[in-house]
């Protein structure tokens, strides 16, 4: 599922569900002074990890 890297979160989730994957976890990465676990569909996918049929997605806020 590395092909989802660079997608917006909204597009990545739609594509993953279309391909039959379940989203297990979404994690946000940010600079230390900007720590927040809130995200929306405009965040960008940095990494996708697959475990069985479940995806863990690492995202960051776009500039």
C-alpha atoms as a PDB file:
ATOM      1  CA  UNK A   1       0.000   0.000   0.000  1.00  0.00           C
ATOM      2  CA  UNK A   2       2.978   2.312  -0.342  1.00  0.00           C
ATOM      3  CA  UNK A   3       1.208   3.709  -3.400  1.00  0.00           C
ATOM      4  CA  UNK A   4      -0.982   5.693  -0.964  1.00  0.00           C
ATOM      5  CA  UNK A   5       2.057   7.685   0.204  1.00  0.00           C
ATOM      6  CA  UNK A   6       1.600  11.326  -0.774  1.00  0.00           C
ATOM      7  CA  UNK A   7      -2.194  11.090  -1.044  1.00  0.00           C
ATOM      8  CA  UNK A   8      -4.406  13.267   1.088  1.00  0.00           C
ATOM      9  CA  UNK A   9      -5.826  11.272   3.974  1.00  0.00           C
ATOM     10  CA  UNK A  10      -9.347  11.481   2.547  1.00  0.00           C
ATOM     11  CA  UNK A  11      -8.263  10.071  -0.826  1.00  0.00           C
ATOM     12  CA  UNK A  12      -6.105   7.384   0.804  1.00  0.00           C
ATOM     13  CA  UNK A  13      -8.930   6.171   3.053  1.00  0.00           C
ATOM     14  CA  UNK A  14     -11.372   6.005   0.134  1.00  0.00           C
ATOM     15  CA  UNK A  15      -8.878   4.074  -2.011  1.00  0.00           C
ATOM     16  CA  UNK A  16      -7.959   1.685   0.819  1.00  0.00           C
ATOM     17  CA  UNK A  17     -11.615   0.907   1.538  1.00  0.00           C
ATOM     18  CA  UNK A  18     -12.265   0.434  -2.187  1.00  0.00           C
ATOM     19  CA  UNK A  19      -9.386  -2.081  -2.234  1.00  0.00           C
ATOM     20  CA  UNK A  20     -10.899  -3.947   0.746  1.00  0.00           C
ATOM     21  CA  UNK A  21      -8.614  -2.732   3.539  1.00  0.00           C
ATOM     22  CA  UNK A  22      -9.673  -1.652   7.024  1.00  0.00           C
ATOM     23  CA  UNK A  23      -8.092   1.396   8.681  1.00  0.00           C
ATOM     24  CA  UNK A  24      -6.757   0.236  12.036  1.00  0.00           C
ATOM     25  CA  UNK A  25      -4.946   3.383  13.172  1.00  0.00           C
ATOM     26  CA  UNK A  26      -4.140   6.924  12.021  1.00  0.00           C
ATOM     27  CA  UNK A  27      -1.172   8.638  13.694  1.00  0.00           C
ATOM     28  CA  UNK A  28      -0.183  12.296  13.324  1.00  0.00           C
ATOM     29  CA  UNK A  29       3.450  13.408  13.279  1.00  0.00           C
ATOM     30  CA  UNK A  30       4.423  17.030  13.911  1.00  0.00           C
ATOM     31  CA  UNK A  31       7.274  19.155  15.278  1.00  0.00           C
ATOM     32  CA  UNK A  32       7.599  18.985  19.095  1.00  0.00           C
ATOM     33  CA  UNK A  33       5.972  22.379  19.714  1.00  0.00           C
ATOM     34  CA  UNK A  34       3.007  21.517  17.506  1.00  0.00           C
ATOM     35  CA  UNK A  35       1.979  18.159  18.972  1.00  0.00           C
ATOM     36  CA  UNK A  36      -1.639  17.391  18.200  1.00  0.00           C
ATOM     37  CA  UNK A  37      -3.521  14.205  17.444  1.00  0.00           C
ATOM     38  CA  UNK A  38      -6.268  16.015  15.549  1.00  0.00           C
ATOM     39  CA  UNK A  39      -6.348  15.502  11.794  1.00  0.00           C
ATOM     40  CA  UNK A  40      -8.640  15.980   8.813  1.00  0.00           C
ATOM     41  CA  UNK A  41      -8.931  14.744   5.230  1.00  0.00           C
ATOM     42  CA  UNK A  42      -6.376  17.300   3.945  1.00  0.00           C
ATOM     43  CA  UNK A  43      -3.443  15.812   5.884  1.00  0.00           C
ATOM     44  CA  UNK A  44      -0.836  14.005   3.755  1.00  0.00           C
ATOM     45  CA  UNK A  45       0.048  10.328   4.054  1.00  0.00           C
ATOM     46  CA  UNK A  46       3.722   9.732   4.903  1.00  0.00           C
ATOM     47  CA  UNK A  47       3.748   5.995   5.559  1.00  0.00           C
ATOM     48  CA  UNK A  48       1.365   3.045   5.401  1.00  0.00           C
ATOM     49  CA  UNK A  49       1.977  -0.185   7.310  1.00  0.00           C
ATOM     50  CA  UNK A  50      -0.032  -3.302   6.431  1.00  0.00           C
ATOM     51  CA  UNK A  51      -0.840  -6.014   8.968  1.00  0.00           C
ATOM     52  CA  UNK A  52      -3.094  -8.704   7.527  1.00  0.00           C
ATOM     53  CA  UNK A  53      -5.926  -6.673   5.978  1.00  0.00           C
ATOM     54  CA  UNK A  54      -5.551  -3.624   8.258  1.00  0.00           C
ATOM     55  CA  UNK A  55      -3.652  -0.401   7.628  1.00  0.00           C
ATOM     56  CA  UNK A  56      -1.830   1.895  10.033  1.00  0.00           C
ATOM     57  CA  UNK A  57      -1.357   5.315   8.463  1.00  0.00           C
ATOM     58  CA  UNK A  58       1.126   8.029   9.479  1.00  0.00           C
ATOM     59  CA  UNK A  59       0.077  11.537   8.383  1.00  0.00           C
ATOM     60  CA  UNK A  60       1.312  15.127   8.667  1.00  0.00           C
ATOM     61  CA  UNK A  61      -0.337  18.512   8.261  1.00  0.00           C
ATOM     62  CA  UNK A  62       0.301  20.049   4.841  1.00  0.00           C
ATOM     63  CA  UNK A  63       2.172  23.359   4.666  1.00  0.00           C
END
